[in-house]
């Protein structure tokens, strides 16, 4: 049997991931079998990960390096977009257009 891995525990509950863990039997011949977990944990900034993915965050408190902070760093003044159709209809049109597999020019020619 494999030795028990020393997985660090977070200080607070974290947001869940929507994936299934690979069983040890399926790790043979993959990169995950060769990975040294302890070396990986030592190089990761677990404190920052803990803060960014905390399940319960107080309102008004921003994490250092959060996605919102990153958005603000690269944020350019945005122009307000005026829409002539409501959001639900726009979303339905986007879904339809993605299913057509045609370029914008081909769609325009087909309609006109």
C-alpha atoms as a PDB file:
ATOM      1  CA  UNK A   1       0.000   0.000   0.000  1.00  0.00           C
ATOM      2  CA  UNK A   2       1.007   3.574  -0.697  1.00  0.00           C
ATOM      3  CA  UNK A   3       1.998   5.780   2.227  1.00  0.00           C
ATOM      4  CA  UNK A   4      -0.679   8.219   3.322  1.00  0.00           C
ATOM      5  CA  UNK A   5      -0.175  11.596   1.667  1.00  0.00           C
ATOM      6  CA  UNK A   6       0.311  14.616   3.882  1.00  0.00           C
ATOM      7  CA  UNK A   7      -2.312  16.908   2.321  1.00  0.00           C
ATOM      8  CA  UNK A   8      -2.483  20.370   3.916  1.00  0.00           C
ATOM      9  CA  UNK A   9      -5.870  21.355   5.296  1.00  0.00           C
ATOM     10  CA  UNK A  10      -7.315  24.816   4.609  1.00  0.00           C
ATOM     11  CA  UNK A  11      -8.044  27.238   7.431  1.00  0.00           C
ATOM     12  CA  UNK A  12     -11.626  27.747   6.226  1.00  0.00           C
ATOM     13  CA  UNK A  13     -13.988  25.668   4.072  1.00  0.00           C
ATOM     14  CA  UNK A  14     -13.210  26.200   0.384  1.00  0.00           C
ATOM     15  CA  UNK A  15     -15.485  26.458  -2.637  1.00  0.00           C
ATOM     16  CA  UNK A  16     -16.168  23.054  -4.151  1.00  0.00           C
ATOM     17  CA  UNK A  17     -14.766  21.795  -7.443  1.00  0.00           C
ATOM     18  CA  UNK A  18     -17.026  19.941  -9.854  1.00  0.00           C
ATOM     19  CA  UNK A  19     -14.815  16.998 -10.678  1.00  0.00           C
ATOM     20  CA  UNK A  20     -14.246  13.470  -9.485  1.00  0.00           C
ATOM     21  CA  UNK A  21     -10.987  12.303  -7.930  1.00  0.00           C
ATOM     22  CA  UNK A  22      -9.034   9.737  -9.947  1.00  0.00           C
ATOM     23  CA  UNK A  23      -8.754   6.414  -8.122  1.00  0.00           C
ATOM     24  CA  UNK A  24      -5.180   5.293  -7.394  1.00  0.00           C
ATOM     25  CA  UNK A  25      -5.611   2.342  -9.777  1.00  0.00           C
ATOM     26  CA  UNK A  26      -5.990   4.729 -12.752  1.00  0.00           C
ATOM     27  CA  UNK A  27      -2.884   6.786 -11.920  1.00  0.00           C
ATOM     28  CA  UNK A  28      -0.432   4.214 -13.350  1.00  0.00           C
ATOM     29  CA  UNK A  29       1.470   5.655 -16.314  1.00  0.00           C
ATOM     30  CA  UNK A  30       0.233   9.232 -15.831  1.00  0.00           C
ATOM     31  CA  UNK A  31       1.936  12.417 -14.697  1.00  0.00           C
ATOM     32  CA  UNK A  32      -0.020  12.217 -11.440  1.00  0.00           C
ATOM     33  CA  UNK A  33       1.846   9.053 -10.430  1.00  0.00           C
ATOM     34  CA  UNK A  34       5.237  10.759 -10.790  1.00  0.00           C
ATOM     35  CA  UNK A  35       4.227  14.004  -9.058  1.00  0.00           C
ATOM     36  CA  UNK A  36       5.875  14.693  -5.694  1.00  0.00           C
ATOM     37  CA  UNK A  37       3.026  16.148  -3.631  1.00  0.00           C
ATOM     38  CA  UNK A  38       5.159  17.468  -0.783  1.00  0.00           C
ATOM     39  CA  UNK A  39       7.421  19.382  -3.181  1.00  0.00           C
ATOM     40  CA  UNK A  40       4.344  20.804  -4.910  1.00  0.00           C
ATOM     41  CA  UNK A  41       2.723  21.909  -1.651  1.00  0.00           C
ATOM     42  CA  UNK A  42       5.950  23.638  -0.596  1.00  0.00           C
ATOM     43  CA  UNK A  43       6.081  25.710  -3.803  1.00  0.00           C
ATOM     44  CA  UNK A  44       2.395  26.712  -3.804  1.00  0.00           C
ATOM     45  CA  UNK A  45       1.196  29.828  -1.983  1.00  0.00           C
ATOM     46  CA  UNK A  46      -1.472  27.964  -0.024  1.00  0.00           C
ATOM     47  CA  UNK A  47      -2.353  31.007   2.114  1.00  0.00           C
ATOM     48  CA  UNK A  48      -3.346  33.033  -0.980  1.00  0.00           C
ATOM     49  CA  UNK A  49      -5.269  30.089  -2.436  1.00  0.00           C
ATOM     50  CA  UNK A  50      -7.042  29.728   0.906  1.00  0.00           C
ATOM     51  CA  UNK A  51      -8.084  33.403   0.831  1.00  0.00           C
ATOM     52  CA  UNK A  52      -9.134  33.442  -2.838  1.00  0.00           C
ATOM     53  CA  UNK A  53     -11.251  30.269  -2.745  1.00  0.00           C
ATOM     54  CA  UNK A  54     -12.782  30.618   0.713  1.00  0.00           C
ATOM     55  CA  UNK A  55     -16.428  29.489   0.633  1.00  0.00           C
ATOM     56  CA  UNK A  56     -17.611  32.207   3.019  1.00  0.00           C
ATOM     57  CA  UNK A  57     -16.347  35.737   2.522  1.00  0.00           C
ATOM     58  CA  UNK A  58     -17.496  38.831   4.341  1.00  0.00           C
ATOM     59  CA  UNK A  59     -19.172  41.439   2.145  1.00  0.00           C
ATOM     60  CA  UNK A  60     -17.114  44.533   1.512  1.00  0.00           C
ATOM     61  CA  UNK A  61     -13.795  42.800   2.154  1.00  0.00           C
ATOM     62  CA  UNK A  62     -11.744  42.183  -0.977  1.00  0.00           C
ATOM     63  CA  UNK A  63      -9.069  39.547  -1.118  1.00  0.00           C
ATOM     64  CA  UNK A  64      -5.601  40.470  -2.272  1.00  0.00           C
ATOM     65  CA  UNK A  65      -5.177  39.211  -5.808  1.00  0.00           C
ATOM     66  CA  UNK A  66      -8.845  38.376  -6.254  1.00  0.00           C
ATOM     67  CA  UNK A  67     -10.381  38.110  -9.703  1.00  0.00           C
ATOM     68  CA  UNK A  68     -12.119  41.437  -9.122  1.00  0.00           C
ATOM     69  CA  UNK A  69      -8.770  43.083  -8.340  1.00  0.00           C
ATOM     70  CA  UNK A  70      -7.360  41.653 -11.562  1.00  0.00           C
ATOM     71  CA  UNK A  71     -10.311  43.003 -13.521  1.00  0.00           C
ATOM     72  CA  UNK A  72      -9.779  46.464 -12.062  1.00  0.00           C
ATOM     73  CA  UNK A  73      -6.074  46.415 -12.916  1.00  0.00           C
ATOM     74  CA  UNK A  74      -6.732  45.830 -16.593  1.00  0.00           C
ATOM     75  CA  UNK A  75     -10.025  47.675 -16.688  1.00  0.00           C
ATOM     76  CA  UNK A  76     -10.470  50.270 -19.371  1.00  0.00           C
ATOM     77  CA  UNK A  77     -13.334  52.704 -19.270  1.00  0.00           C
ATOM     78  CA  UNK A  78     -16.176  50.766 -20.823  1.00  0.00           C
ATOM     79  CA  UNK A  79     -18.808  52.327 -22.977  1.00  0.00           C
ATOM     80  CA  UNK A  80     -22.345  51.463 -22.063  1.00  0.00           C
ATOM     81  CA  UNK A  81     -23.905  49.084 -24.571  1.00  0.00           C
ATOM     82  CA  UNK A  82     -27.394  49.937 -25.733  1.00  0.00           C
ATOM     83  CA  UNK A  83     -29.506  46.906 -26.579  1.00  0.00           C
ATOM     84  CA  UNK A  84     -32.701  46.980 -28.607  1.00  0.00           C
ATOM     85  CA  UNK A  85     -33.831  43.531 -27.447  1.00  0.00           C
ATOM     86  CA  UNK A  86     -34.157  42.143 -23.946  1.00  0.00           C
ATOM     87  CA  UNK A  87     -31.429  39.970 -22.424  1.00  0.00           C
ATOM     88  CA  UNK A  88     -33.289  36.671 -22.716  1.00  0.00           C
ATOM     89  CA  UNK A  89     -33.988  37.121 -26.420  1.00  0.00           C
ATOM     90  CA  UNK A  90     -30.378  38.198 -26.998  1.00  0.00           C
ATOM     91  CA  UNK A  91     -29.163  35.043 -25.249  1.00  0.00           C
ATOM     92  CA  UNK A  92     -31.494  32.879 -27.362  1.00  0.00           C
ATOM     93  CA  UNK A  93     -30.208  34.563 -30.534  1.00  0.00           C
ATOM     94  CA  UNK A  94     -26.620  33.940 -29.455  1.00  0.00           C
ATOM     95  CA  UNK A  95     -27.393  30.250 -28.908  1.00  0.00           C
ATOM     96  CA  UNK A  96     -29.067  30.009 -32.320  1.00  0.00           C
ATOM     97  CA  UNK A  97     -26.190  31.761 -34.085  1.00  0.00           C
ATOM     98  CA  UNK A  98     -23.635  29.487 -32.432  1.00  0.00           C
ATOM     99  CA  UNK A  99     -25.501  26.429 -33.756  1.00  0.00           C
ATOM    100  CA  UNK A 100     -25.560  27.696 -37.362  1.00  0.00           C
ATOM    101  CA  UNK A 101     -21.816  27.166 -37.992  1.00  0.00           C
ATOM    102  CA  UNK A 102     -21.788  29.988 -40.548  1.00  0.00           C
ATOM    103  CA  UNK A 103     -19.696  33.147 -40.721  1.00  0.00           C
ATOM    104  CA  UNK A 104     -21.313  36.525 -40.084  1.00  0.00           C
ATOM    105  CA  UNK A 105     -21.114  37.369 -43.796  1.00  0.00           C
ATOM    106  CA  UNK A 106     -22.831  34.102 -44.782  1.00  0.00           C
ATOM    107  CA  UNK A 107     -25.647  34.725 -42.298  1.00  0.00           C
ATOM    108  CA  UNK A 108     -26.150  38.285 -43.617  1.00  0.00           C
ATOM    109  CA  UNK A 109     -26.285  37.035 -47.223  1.00  0.00           C
ATOM    110  CA  UNK A 110     -28.775  34.302 -46.276  1.00  0.00           C
ATOM    111  CA  UNK A 111     -31.079  36.759 -44.481  1.00  0.00           C
ATOM    112  CA  UNK A 112     -30.905  39.526 -47.079  1.00  0.00           C
END
